[in-house]
Amino acid sequence: MIKIAVIGAGRHSCLHHGPACRALKERMDLAAVCDRNIDAAKAFSMNFGFRSVYADYMEMIKKEKPDAVIAVTPEAVTRKIVGDIIPSGIPILMEKPIGNNLKEAEELCGIAEKSSSRIMVSFNRRFSPMIRPALEWLGKNTGNSAPQMFRASIQRHDRHDLNFLSATAIHPLDILVSVMGMPARTNIVQSSSKPGTEPVTKVDMQFANGSLAELMIAPDCGILSEAYEVIGGKYCARIDYFNSMEIWHDGKIVSQIRIDPLAPVEINEGAVAEMEYFLECVEGKAPFSPGVIDGLNMAILGEKIQNTNSR
């Protein structure tokens, strides 16, 4: 069994990583959880079955000697905490973004490169039951026929957090880049907005092979929605992240999936599948991917979008 220690017992950790660990407890030794709020750590321990609690993450690592660490930390401290752990050589599953800004992301990549570290970045969309099968089909069936167009939109309600563009909109950005690669050219425009509302951001991209992409980001449009469309020669994959996926090829539907409304969040949002893959990485059965370079690419694009929003 793989001995696991968790850093961070906040909302996101309790919604995704804790339930994923509990679901896979037959493969994991749930050793310890650390949070500077010791009461939060105790509640996490009780809810998800971890034996010990700590307020100091380095003390936890020194005493528990885990086989792997899951770091679910606020952006402001991610670079510090993960940077402290990397030299130990312990495999890490870390939450995105990989730093509070591009400079911190670059610093963390530098530390990781020097230490030949084993780090997987938690881009859970890649493991969702709607997106993962589409990515696998595209990888197996499109051959040299690269996608000609990628469209994505992320729409939310009443999201006024300052880092929405660089943190939450990172989800469609990651899927976009995982399919299309990094763009050669990017153009970012924003709508005007009234006081108390957020502007809509539109990102247009062009790639070295001539392919195109567009991303629409609407933090406060009164709906929870996230959609993807990948278009190529004789094929089209359409993904409604919260509901369904279908793939068309040569005029016919070749794959169609609907979300299970009764399944728990950790299943429908990919946390359990992601954790299963991380365990395979720790066991040496799979490469640590997505990695810190993927996180750096998101920081580069995210900062461009954030800077546009700040003007």
C-alpha atoms as a PDB file:
ATOM      1  CA  MET A   1       0.000   0.000   0.000  1.00  0.00           C
ATOM      2  CA  ILE A   2       1.112   3.523  -0.709  1.00  0.00           C
ATOM      3  CA  LYS A   3       1.489   5.679   2.383  1.00  0.00           C
ATOM      4  CA  ILE A   4      -0.183   9.039   1.759  1.00  0.00           C
ATOM      5  CA  ALA A   5       0.077  12.384   3.527  1.00  0.00           C
ATOM      6  CA  VAL A   6      -2.159  15.332   2.641  1.00  0.00           C
ATOM      7  CA  ILE A   7      -1.319  19.010   3.036  1.00  0.00           C
ATOM      8  CA  GLY A   8      -4.418  21.197   3.114  1.00  0.00           C
ATOM      9  CA  ALA A   9      -7.834  20.419   4.569  1.00  0.00           C
ATOM     10  CA  GLY A  10      -9.816  23.266   3.018  1.00  0.00           C
ATOM     11  CA  ARG A  11     -12.953  23.229   0.874  1.00  0.00           C
ATOM     12  CA  HIS A  12     -11.389  21.935  -2.338  1.00  0.00           C
ATOM     13  CA  SER A  13      -9.474  19.201  -0.547  1.00  0.00           C
ATOM     14  CA  CYS A  14     -12.667  18.111   1.228  1.00  0.00           C
ATOM     15  CA  LEU A  15     -14.686  18.154  -1.996  1.00  0.00           C
ATOM     16  CA  HIS A  16     -12.253  16.277  -4.251  1.00  0.00           C
ATOM     17  CA  HIS A  17      -9.035  14.852  -2.791  1.00  0.00           C
ATOM     18  CA  GLY A  18     -10.352  13.604   0.563  1.00  0.00           C
ATOM     19  CA  PRO A  19     -13.258  11.682  -1.014  1.00  0.00           C
ATOM     20  CA  ALA A  20     -10.920  10.277  -3.686  1.00  0.00           C
ATOM     21  CA  CYS A  21      -8.552   8.978  -0.994  1.00  0.00           C
ATOM     22  CA  ARG A  22     -11.441   7.441   0.910  1.00  0.00           C
ATOM     23  CA  ALA A  23     -12.714   5.757  -2.261  1.00  0.00           C
ATOM     24  CA  LEU A  24      -9.267   4.191  -2.845  1.00  0.00           C
ATOM     25  CA  LYS A  25      -8.439   3.327   0.761  1.00  0.00           C
ATOM     26  CA  GLU A  26      -7.845  -0.326  -0.163  1.00  0.00           C
ATOM     27  CA  ARG A  27      -4.795   0.814  -2.165  1.00  0.00           C
ATOM     28  CA  MET A  28      -3.628   3.573   0.177  1.00  0.00           C
ATOM     29  CA  ASP A  29      -2.366   3.883   3.726  1.00  0.00           C
ATOM     30  CA  LEU A  30      -4.062   7.132   4.811  1.00  0.00           C
ATOM     31  CA  ALA A  31      -1.330   8.192   7.202  1.00  0.00           C
ATOM     32  CA  ALA A  32      -1.746  11.888   7.988  1.00  0.00           C
ATOM     33  CA  VAL A  33      -3.207  15.263   7.096  1.00  0.00           C
ATOM     34  CA  CYS A  34      -1.767  18.686   7.832  1.00  0.00           C
ATOM     35  CA  ASP A  35      -3.438  22.092   7.977  1.00  0.00           C
ATOM     36  CA  ARG A  36      -2.455  25.249   9.838  1.00  0.00           C
ATOM     37  CA  ASN A  37      -6.045  25.151  11.139  1.00  0.00           C
ATOM     38  CA  ILE A  38      -5.720  22.075  13.327  1.00  0.00           C
ATOM     39  CA  ASP A  39      -9.497  21.808  13.755  1.00  0.00           C
ATOM     40  CA  ALA A  40      -9.872  21.572   9.969  1.00  0.00           C
ATOM     41  CA  ALA A  41      -7.216  18.843   9.916  1.00  0.00           C
ATOM     42  CA  LYS A  42      -9.052  16.924  12.642  1.00  0.00           C
ATOM     43  CA  ALA A  43     -12.354  17.156  10.771  1.00  0.00           C
ATOM     44  CA  PHE A  44     -10.668  16.005   7.543  1.00  0.00           C
ATOM     45  CA  SER A  45      -9.061  13.097   9.394  1.00  0.00           C
ATOM     46  CA  MET A  46     -12.388  12.008  10.846  1.00  0.00           C
ATOM     47  CA  ASN A  47     -14.337  12.391   7.586  1.00  0.00           C
ATOM     48  CA  PHE A  48     -11.882  10.607   5.299  1.00  0.00           C
ATOM     49  CA  GLY A  49     -10.107   8.135   7.562  1.00  0.00           C
ATOM     50  CA  PHE A  50      -6.618   9.594   8.084  1.00  0.00           C
ATOM     51  CA  ARG A  51      -4.810   8.458  11.247  1.00  0.00           C
ATOM     52  CA  SER A  52      -2.822  11.497  12.335  1.00  0.00           C
ATOM     53  CA  VAL A  53      -3.108  15.280  12.179  1.00  0.00           C
ATOM     54  CA  TYR A  54      -0.439  17.979  12.064  1.00  0.00           C
ATOM     55  CA  ALA A  55      -0.196  21.756  11.862  1.00  0.00           C
ATOM     56  CA  ASP A  56       3.382  21.712  10.474  1.00  0.00           C
ATOM     57  CA  TYR A  57       3.861  20.004   7.103  1.00  0.00           C
ATOM     58  CA  MET A  58       7.607  19.470   7.428  1.00  0.00           C
ATOM     59  CA  GLU A  59       7.118  17.876  10.834  1.00  0.00           C
ATOM     60  CA  MET A  60       4.518  15.577   9.277  1.00  0.00           C
ATOM     61  CA  ILE A  61       6.837  14.547   6.452  1.00  0.00           C
ATOM     62  CA  LYS A  62       9.767  13.988   8.814  1.00  0.00           C
ATOM     63  CA  LYS A  63       7.767  11.830  11.230  1.00  0.00           C
ATOM     64  CA  GLU A  64       5.467   9.971   8.833  1.00  0.00           C
ATOM     65  CA  LYS A  65       7.925   9.414   5.965  1.00  0.00           C
ATOM     66  CA  PRO A  66       5.123   9.095   3.380  1.00  0.00           C
ATOM     67  CA  ASP A  67       5.494   7.440  -0.006  1.00  0.00           C
ATOM     68  CA  ALA A  68       3.627  10.342  -1.612  1.00  0.00           C
ATOM     69  CA  VAL A  69       2.205  13.750  -0.723  1.00  0.00           C
ATOM     70  CA  ILE A  70      -0.976  15.441  -1.927  1.00  0.00           C
ATOM     71  CA  ALA A  71      -0.611  19.233  -1.668  1.00  0.00           C
ATOM     72  CA  VAL A  72      -3.867  21.191  -1.836  1.00  0.00           C
ATOM     73  CA  THR A  73      -2.686  24.641  -0.849  1.00  0.00           C
ATOM     74  CA  PRO A  74      -3.771  28.273  -1.330  1.00  0.00           C
ATOM     75  CA  GLU A  75      -2.037  29.858  -4.313  1.00  0.00           C
ATOM     76  CA  ALA A  76      -0.226  32.354  -2.110  1.00  0.00           C
ATOM     77  CA  VAL A  77       1.729  29.568  -0.355  1.00  0.00           C
ATOM     78  CA  THR A  78       1.932  26.877  -3.063  1.00  0.00           C
ATOM     79  CA  ARG A  79       5.394  27.858  -4.277  1.00  0.00           C
ATOM     80  CA  LYS A  80       6.766  27.884  -0.696  1.00  0.00           C
ATOM     81  CA  ILE A  81       5.215  24.623   0.481  1.00  0.00           C
ATOM     82  CA  VAL A  82       5.787  22.527  -2.637  1.00  0.00           C
ATOM     83  CA  GLY A  83       9.243  24.079  -3.026  1.00  0.00           C
ATOM     84  CA  ASP A  84      10.071  22.908   0.512  1.00  0.00           C
ATOM     85  CA  ILE A  85       8.946  19.342  -0.216  1.00  0.00           C
ATOM     86  CA  ILE A  86      10.588  18.826  -3.620  1.00  0.00           C
ATOM     87  CA  PRO A  87      14.153  18.273  -2.294  1.00  0.00           C
ATOM     88  CA  SER A  88      12.910  15.310  -0.225  1.00  0.00           C
ATOM     89  CA  GLY A  89      12.295  13.403  -3.467  1.00  0.00           C
ATOM     90  CA  ILE A  90       8.779  12.363  -2.412  1.00  0.00           C
ATOM     91  CA  PRO A  91       6.284  12.115  -5.300  1.00  0.00           C
ATOM     92  CA  ILE A  92       3.771  14.965  -5.185  1.00  0.00           C
ATOM     93  CA  LEU A  93       0.266  15.504  -6.509  1.00  0.00           C
ATOM     94  CA  MET A  94      -0.168  19.276  -6.320  1.00  0.00           C
ATOM     95  CA  GLU A  95      -3.149  21.471  -6.996  1.00  0.00           C
ATOM     96  CA  LYS A  96      -3.047  24.024  -9.770  1.00  0.00           C
ATOM     97  CA  PRO A  97      -2.098  26.779 -10.317  1.00  0.00           C
ATOM     98  CA  ILE A  98       1.526  26.007  -9.502  1.00  0.00           C
ATOM     99  CA  GLY A  99       2.203  29.485  -8.139  1.00  0.00           C
ATOM    100  CA  ASN A 100       0.556  32.774  -7.290  1.00  0.00           C
ATOM    101  CA  ASN A 101       1.910  34.302 -10.511  1.00  0.00           C
ATOM    102  CA  LEU A 102       4.139  33.513 -13.474  1.00  0.00           C
ATOM    103  CA  LYS A 103       7.337  34.326 -11.558  1.00  0.00           C
ATOM    104  CA  GLU A 104       6.509  31.808  -8.833  1.00  0.00           C
ATOM    105  CA  ALA A 105       5.535  29.186 -11.419  1.00  0.00           C
ATOM    106  CA  GLU A 106       8.900  29.646 -13.135  1.00  0.00           C
ATOM    107  CA  GLU A 107      10.719  29.387  -9.793  1.00  0.00           C
ATOM    108  CA  LEU A 108       8.932  26.157  -8.902  1.00  0.00           C
ATOM    109  CA  CYS A 109       9.738  24.666 -12.300  1.00  0.00           C
ATOM    110  CA  GLY A 110      13.379  25.560 -11.724  1.00  0.00           C
ATOM    111  CA  ILE A 111      13.416  23.803  -8.342  1.00  0.00           C
ATOM    112  CA  ALA A 112      11.675  20.760  -9.815  1.00  0.00           C
ATOM    113  CA  GLU A 113      14.146  20.535 -12.713  1.00  0.00           C
ATOM    114  CA  LYS A 114      17.193  20.688 -10.419  1.00  0.00           C
ATOM    115  CA  SER A 115      15.806  17.932  -8.201  1.00  0.00           C
ATOM    116  CA  SER A 116      14.558  15.644 -11.001  1.00  0.00           C
ATOM    117  CA  SER A 117      11.338  15.613  -9.006  1.00  0.00           C
ATOM    118  CA  ARG A 118       8.257  13.468  -9.577  1.00  0.00           C
ATOM    119  CA  ILE A 119       5.339  15.892  -9.644  1.00  0.00           C
ATOM    120  CA  MET A 120       1.858  15.573 -11.080  1.00  0.00           C
ATOM    121  CA  VAL A 121      -0.296  18.684 -11.310  1.00  0.00           C
ATOM    122  CA  SER A 122      -3.990  18.259 -10.576  1.00  0.00           C
ATOM    123  CA  PHE A 123      -5.786  19.251 -13.766  1.00  0.00           C
ATOM    124  CA  ASN A 124      -8.819  17.142 -12.948  1.00  0.00           C
ATOM    125  CA  ARG A 125     -10.725  17.945 -16.165  1.00  0.00           C
ATOM    126  CA  ARG A 126      -8.401  15.579 -18.035  1.00  0.00           C
ATOM    127  CA  PHE A 127      -9.794  12.737 -15.913  1.00  0.00           C
ATOM    128  CA  SER A 128     -13.505  13.582 -15.989  1.00  0.00           C
ATOM    129  CA  PRO A 129     -15.855  10.888 -17.364  1.00  0.00           C
ATOM    130  CA  MET A 130     -16.972  13.298 -20.100  1.00  0.00           C
ATOM    131  CA  ILE A 131     -13.585  14.638 -21.244  1.00  0.00           C
ATOM    132  CA  ARG A 132     -11.214  11.695 -20.757  1.00  0.00           C
ATOM    133  CA  PRO A 133     -12.956   9.370 -23.268  1.00  0.00           C
ATOM    134  CA  ALA A 134     -13.008  12.160 -25.843  1.00  0.00           C
ATOM    135  CA  LEU A 135      -9.295  12.819 -25.417  1.00  0.00           C
ATOM    136  CA  GLU A 136      -8.577   9.099 -25.730  1.00  0.00           C
ATOM    137  CA  TRP A 137     -10.676   8.820 -28.910  1.00  0.00           C
ATOM    138  CA  LEU A 138      -8.939  11.827 -30.452  1.00  0.00           C
ATOM    139  CA  GLY A 139      -5.548  10.341 -29.614  1.00  0.00           C
ATOM    140  CA  LYS A 140      -6.356   6.953 -31.158  1.00  0.00           C
ATOM    141  CA  ASN A 141      -8.457   7.850 -34.186  1.00  0.00           C
ATOM    142  CA  THR A 142      -7.376  11.146 -35.722  1.00  0.00           C
ATOM    143  CA  GLY A 143      -3.876  10.110 -36.831  1.00  0.00           C
ATOM    144  CA  ASN A 144      -2.224  12.931 -38.751  1.00  0.00           C
ATOM    145  CA  SER A 145      -5.516  14.826 -39.032  1.00  0.00           C
ATOM    146  CA  ALA A 146      -4.870  17.539 -36.446  1.00  0.00           C
ATOM    147  CA  PRO A 147      -7.917  19.415 -35.122  1.00  0.00           C
ATOM    148  CA  GLN A 148      -8.740  22.432 -37.246  1.00  0.00           C
ATOM    149  CA  MET A 149     -10.724  24.245 -34.557  1.00  0.00           C
ATOM    150  CA  PHE A 150     -11.138  24.106 -30.789  1.00  0.00           C
ATOM    151  CA  ARG A 151     -13.963  25.975 -29.086  1.00  0.00           C
ATOM    152  CA  ALA A 152     -14.520  26.223 -25.342  1.00  0.00           C
ATOM    153  CA  SER A 153     -16.603  28.270 -22.949  1.00  0.00           C
ATOM    154  CA  ILE A 154     -16.712  28.515 -19.177  1.00  0.00           C
ATOM    155  CA  GLN A 155     -19.698  30.279 -17.644  1.00  0.00           C
ATOM    156  CA  ARG A 156     -20.388  30.875 -13.980  1.00  0.00           C
ATOM    157  CA  HIS A 157     -22.687  32.852 -11.708  1.00  0.00           C
ATOM    158  CA  ASP A 158     -21.653  35.580  -9.285  1.00  0.00           C
ATOM    159  CA  ARG A 159     -17.925  34.876  -9.475  1.00  0.00           C
ATOM    160  CA  HIS A 160     -16.098  38.064  -8.587  1.00  0.00           C
ATOM    161  CA  ASP A 161     -12.842  36.554  -7.273  1.00  0.00           C
ATOM    162  CA  LEU A 162      -9.823  38.449  -8.537  1.00  0.00           C
ATOM    163  CA  ASN A 163      -8.052  35.342  -9.796  1.00  0.00           C
ATOM    164  CA  PHE A 164     -11.011  33.787 -11.641  1.00  0.00           C
ATOM    165  CA  LEU A 165      -9.379  34.221 -15.036  1.00  0.00           C
ATOM    166  CA  SER A 166      -6.007  32.776 -14.061  1.00  0.00           C
ATOM    167  CA  ALA A 167      -7.275  30.093 -11.656  1.00  0.00           C
ATOM    168  CA  THR A 168     -10.751  28.844 -12.650  1.00  0.00           C
ATOM    169  CA  ALA A 169     -10.494  29.534 -16.380  1.00  0.00           C
ATOM    170  CA  ILE A 170      -7.355  27.416 -16.241  1.00  0.00           C
ATOM    171  CA  HIS A 171      -9.608  24.358 -16.756  1.00  0.00           C
ATOM    172  CA  PRO A 172     -10.589  24.967 -20.389  1.00  0.00           C
ATOM    173  CA  LEU A 173      -7.150  26.424 -21.071  1.00  0.00           C
ATOM    174  CA  ASP A 174      -5.529  23.166 -19.978  1.00  0.00           C
ATOM    175  CA  ILE A 175      -7.810  21.028 -22.126  1.00  0.00           C
ATOM    176  CA  LEU A 176      -7.255  23.387 -25.055  1.00  0.00           C
ATOM    177  CA  VAL A 177      -3.466  23.179 -24.811  1.00  0.00           C
ATOM    178  CA  SER A 178      -3.487  19.416 -24.150  1.00  0.00           C
ATOM    179  CA  VAL A 179      -5.303  18.964 -27.484  1.00  0.00           C
ATOM    180  CA  MET A 180      -3.861  21.802 -29.605  1.00  0.00           C
ATOM    181  CA  GLY A 181      -0.475  22.648 -28.061  1.00  0.00           C
ATOM    182  CA  MET A 182       0.673  26.147 -27.149  1.00  0.00           C
ATOM    183  CA  PRO A 183      -0.552  28.877 -29.516  1.00  0.00           C
ATOM    184  CA  ALA A 184       1.725  30.839 -31.820  1.00  0.00           C
ATOM    185  CA  ARG A 185      -0.501  33.917 -31.549  1.00  0.00           C
ATOM    186  CA  THR A 186      -3.057  35.014 -28.974  1.00  0.00           C
ATOM    187  CA  ASN A 187      -5.553  37.857 -29.098  1.00  0.00           C
ATOM    188  CA  ILE A 188      -7.577  38.740 -26.004  1.00  0.00           C
ATOM    189  CA  VAL A 189     -10.560  41.107 -25.935  1.00  0.00           C
ATOM    190  CA  GLN A 190     -13.096  41.976 -23.264  1.00  0.00           C
ATOM    191  CA  SER A 191     -16.584  43.382 -23.221  1.00  0.00           C
ATOM    192  CA  SER A 192     -17.543  46.459 -21.269  1.00  0.00           C
ATOM    193  CA  SER A 193     -19.353  45.806 -17.976  1.00  0.00           C
ATOM    194  CA  LYS A 194     -21.608  47.677 -15.593  1.00  0.00           C
ATOM    195  CA  PRO A 195     -20.640  48.223 -11.924  1.00  0.00           C
ATOM    196  CA  GLY A 196     -21.148  45.031  -9.937  1.00  0.00           C
ATOM    197  CA  THR A 197     -20.838  42.770 -12.972  1.00  0.00           C
ATOM    198  CA  GLU A 198     -17.882  41.094 -14.625  1.00  0.00           C
ATOM    199  CA  PRO A 199     -16.774  41.501 -18.248  1.00  0.00           C
ATOM    200  CA  VAL A 200     -16.853  38.641 -20.719  1.00  0.00           C
ATOM    201  CA  THR A 201     -13.406  37.708 -22.033  1.00  0.00           C
ATOM    202  CA  LYS A 202     -12.822  36.218 -25.482  1.00  0.00           C
ATOM    203  CA  VAL A 203      -9.492  34.596 -26.324  1.00  0.00           C
ATOM    204  CA  ASP A 204      -8.648  33.832 -29.957  1.00  0.00           C
ATOM    205  CA  MET A 205      -5.636  31.663 -30.747  1.00  0.00           C
ATOM    206  CA  GLN A 206      -3.788  30.564 -33.863  1.00  0.00           C
ATOM    207  CA  PHE A 207      -1.317  27.703 -33.970  1.00  0.00           C
ATOM    208  CA  ALA A 208       1.796  27.096 -36.032  1.00  0.00           C
ATOM    209  CA  ASN A 209      -0.006  24.487 -38.171  1.00  0.00           C
ATOM    210  CA  GLY A 210      -2.783  26.958 -39.027  1.00  0.00           C
ATOM    211  CA  SER A 211      -5.373  25.554 -36.621  1.00  0.00           C
ATOM    212  CA  LEU A 212      -7.561  27.914 -34.602  1.00  0.00           C
ATOM    213  CA  ALA A 213      -9.075  28.081 -31.126  1.00  0.00           C
ATOM    214  CA  GLU A 214     -11.431  30.329 -29.237  1.00  0.00           C
ATOM    215  CA  LEU A 215     -12.289  30.519 -25.564  1.00  0.00           C
ATOM    216  CA  MET A 216     -15.114  32.481 -23.947  1.00  0.00           C
ATOM    217  CA  ILE A 217     -14.918  33.237 -20.220  1.00  0.00           C
ATOM    218  CA  ALA A 218     -17.999  34.624 -18.437  1.00  0.00           C
ATOM    219  CA  PRO A 219     -17.655  34.733 -14.639  1.00  0.00           C
ATOM    220  CA  ASP A 220     -21.078  36.233 -13.895  1.00  0.00           C
ATOM    221  CA  CYS A 221     -23.665  35.311 -16.521  1.00  0.00           C
ATOM    222  CA  GLY A 222     -26.200  33.584 -14.282  1.00  0.00           C
ATOM    223  CA  ILE A 223     -25.473  29.969 -15.268  1.00  0.00           C
ATOM    224  CA  LEU A 224     -23.101  27.105 -14.451  1.00  0.00           C
ATOM    225  CA  SER A 225     -21.876  25.753 -17.764  1.00  0.00           C
ATOM    226  CA  GLU A 226     -18.703  24.475 -19.391  1.00  0.00           C
ATOM    227  CA  ALA A 227     -18.496  23.240 -22.966  1.00  0.00           C
ATOM    228  CA  TYR A 228     -15.869  22.046 -25.448  1.00  0.00           C
ATOM    229  CA  GLU A 229     -15.892  21.338 -29.172  1.00  0.00           C
ATOM    230  CA  VAL A 230     -13.015  19.851 -31.159  1.00  0.00           C
ATOM    231  CA  ILE A 231     -13.455  19.994 -34.939  1.00  0.00           C
ATOM    232  CA  GLY A 232     -11.287  18.250 -37.518  1.00  0.00           C
ATOM    233  CA  GLY A 233     -11.465  16.578 -40.906  1.00  0.00           C
ATOM    234  CA  LYS A 234     -14.601  14.384 -40.835  1.00  0.00           C
ATOM    235  CA  TYR A 235     -14.837  14.400 -37.023  1.00  0.00           C
ATOM    236  CA  CYS A 236     -16.239  16.525 -34.223  1.00  0.00           C
ATOM    237  CA  ALA A 237     -16.187  15.944 -30.457  1.00  0.00           C
ATOM    238  CA  ARG A 238     -18.739  17.841 -28.381  1.00  0.00           C
ATOM    239  CA  ILE A 239     -18.489  17.910 -24.597  1.00  0.00           C
ATOM    240  CA  ASP A 240     -20.919  19.366 -22.085  1.00  0.00           C
ATOM    241  CA  TYR A 241     -18.767  18.949 -18.983  1.00  0.00           C
ATOM    242  CA  PHE A 242     -21.694  18.679 -16.557  1.00  0.00           C
ATOM    243  CA  ASN A 243     -23.941  16.533 -18.734  1.00  0.00           C
ATOM    244  CA  SER A 244     -22.766  14.657 -21.817  1.00  0.00           C
ATOM    245  CA  MET A 245     -20.212  13.856 -24.514  1.00  0.00           C
ATOM    246  CA  GLU A 246     -20.653  12.811 -28.133  1.00  0.00           C
ATOM    247  CA  ILE A 247     -18.244  12.177 -30.996  1.00  0.00           C
ATOM    248  CA  TRP A 248     -19.213  12.331 -34.652  1.00  0.00           C
ATOM    249  CA  HIS A 249     -17.117  10.699 -37.375  1.00  0.00           C
ATOM    250  CA  ASP A 250     -17.969  10.375 -41.069  1.00  0.00           C
ATOM    251  CA  GLY A 251     -21.514  11.600 -40.427  1.00  0.00           C
ATOM    252  CA  LYS A 252     -22.289   9.152 -37.598  1.00  0.00           C
ATOM    253  CA  ILE A 253     -22.184   9.228 -33.807  1.00  0.00           C
ATOM    254  CA  VAL A 254     -19.403   6.829 -32.816  1.00  0.00           C
ATOM    255  CA  SER A 255     -19.368   7.535 -29.070  1.00  0.00           C
ATOM    256  CA  GLN A 256     -21.954   8.980 -26.722  1.00  0.00           C
ATOM    257  CA  ILE A 257     -21.898   9.238 -22.920  1.00  0.00           C
ATOM    258  CA  ARG A 258     -24.173  10.896 -20.383  1.00  0.00           C
ATOM    259  CA  ILE A 259     -23.182  11.842 -16.864  1.00  0.00           C
ATOM    260  CA  ASP A 260     -24.579   9.719 -14.042  1.00  0.00           C
ATOM    261  CA  PRO A 261     -26.573  12.209 -11.936  1.00  0.00           C
ATOM    262  CA  LEU A 262     -26.438   9.840  -8.958  1.00  0.00           C
ATOM    263  CA  ALA A 263     -22.657   9.497  -8.944  1.00  0.00           C
ATOM    264  CA  PRO A 264     -20.751  11.529  -6.328  1.00  0.00           C
ATOM    265  CA  VAL A 265     -18.831  14.685  -7.234  1.00  0.00           C
ATOM    266  CA  GLU A 266     -15.472  12.962  -6.874  1.00  0.00           C
ATOM    267  CA  ILE A 267     -16.475  10.567  -9.662  1.00  0.00           C
ATOM    268  CA  ASN A 268     -18.203  13.033 -11.986  1.00  0.00           C
ATOM    269  CA  GLU A 269     -15.437  15.618 -11.736  1.00  0.00           C
ATOM    270  CA  GLY A 270     -12.600  13.138 -12.197  1.00  0.00           C
ATOM    271  CA  ALA A 271     -10.993  13.187  -8.747  1.00  0.00           C
ATOM    272  CA  VAL A 272     -11.067   9.414  -8.220  1.00  0.00           C
ATOM    273  CA  ALA A 273      -9.756   8.636 -11.719  1.00  0.00           C
ATOM    274  CA  GLU A 274      -7.030  11.241 -11.245  1.00  0.00           C
ATOM    275  CA  MET A 275      -6.013   9.719  -7.901  1.00  0.00           C
ATOM    276  CA  GLU A 276      -5.919   6.229  -9.442  1.00  0.00           C
ATOM    277  CA  TYR A 277      -3.586   7.524 -12.131  1.00  0.00           C
ATOM    278  CA  PHE A 278      -1.360   9.235  -9.533  1.00  0.00           C
ATOM    279  CA  LEU A 279      -1.009   5.943  -7.666  1.00  0.00           C
ATOM    280  CA  GLU A 280       0.101   4.304 -10.912  1.00  0.00           C
ATOM    281  CA  CYS A 281       2.704   7.064 -11.301  1.00  0.00           C
ATOM    282  CA  VAL A 282       4.013   6.450  -7.782  1.00  0.00           C
ATOM    283  CA  GLU A 283       4.180   2.720  -8.515  1.00  0.00           C
ATOM    284  CA  GLY A 284       6.246   3.425 -11.642  1.00  0.00           C
ATOM    285  CA  LYS A 285       3.522   2.246 -14.026  1.00  0.00           C
ATOM    286  CA  ALA A 286       2.769   5.628 -15.653  1.00  0.00           C
ATOM    287  CA  PRO A 287       4.536   8.949 -16.302  1.00  0.00           C
ATOM    288  CA  PHE A 288       3.858  11.887 -13.998  1.00  0.00           C
ATOM    289  CA  SER A 289       1.533  13.847 -16.262  1.00  0.00           C
ATOM    290  CA  PRO A 290       0.333  16.536 -16.415  1.00  0.00           C
ATOM    291  CA  GLY A 291       3.500  17.949 -14.901  1.00  0.00           C
ATOM    292  CA  VAL A 292       4.989  21.263 -13.860  1.00  0.00           C
ATOM    293  CA  ILE A 293       5.695  22.296 -17.478  1.00  0.00           C
ATOM    294  CA  ASP A 294       1.968  21.973 -18.141  1.00  0.00           C
ATOM    295  CA  GLY A 295       1.407  24.120 -15.061  1.00  0.00           C
ATOM    296  CA  LEU A 296       3.903  26.687 -16.338  1.00  0.00           C
ATOM    297  CA  ASN A 297       2.150  26.869 -19.714  1.00  0.00           C
ATOM    298  CA  MET A 298      -1.115  27.593 -17.896  1.00  0.00           C
ATOM    299  CA  ALA A 299       0.597  30.297 -15.857  1.00  0.00           C
ATOM    300  CA  ILE A 300       1.884  31.937 -19.064  1.00  0.00           C
ATOM    301  CA  LEU A 301      -1.544  32.001 -20.701  1.00  0.00           C
ATOM    302  CA  GLY A 302      -3.383  32.751 -17.465  1.00  0.00           C
ATOM    303  CA  GLU A 303      -1.237  35.792 -16.747  1.00  0.00           C
ATOM    304  CA  LYS A 304      -1.845  37.148 -20.252  1.00  0.00           C
ATOM    305  CA  ILE A 305      -5.593  36.887 -19.689  1.00  0.00           C
ATOM    306  CA  GLN A 306      -5.395  38.285 -16.142  1.00  0.00           C
ATOM    307  CA  ASN A 307      -3.336  41.260 -17.289  1.00  0.00           C
ATOM    308  CA  THR A 308      -5.923  42.042 -19.949  1.00  0.00           C
ATOM    309  CA  ASN A 309      -8.619  42.017 -17.280  1.00  0.00           C
ATOM    310  CA  SER A 310      -6.611  44.424 -15.106  1.00  0.00           C
ATOM    311  CA  ARG A 311      -6.287  47.156 -17.708  1.00  0.00           C
END
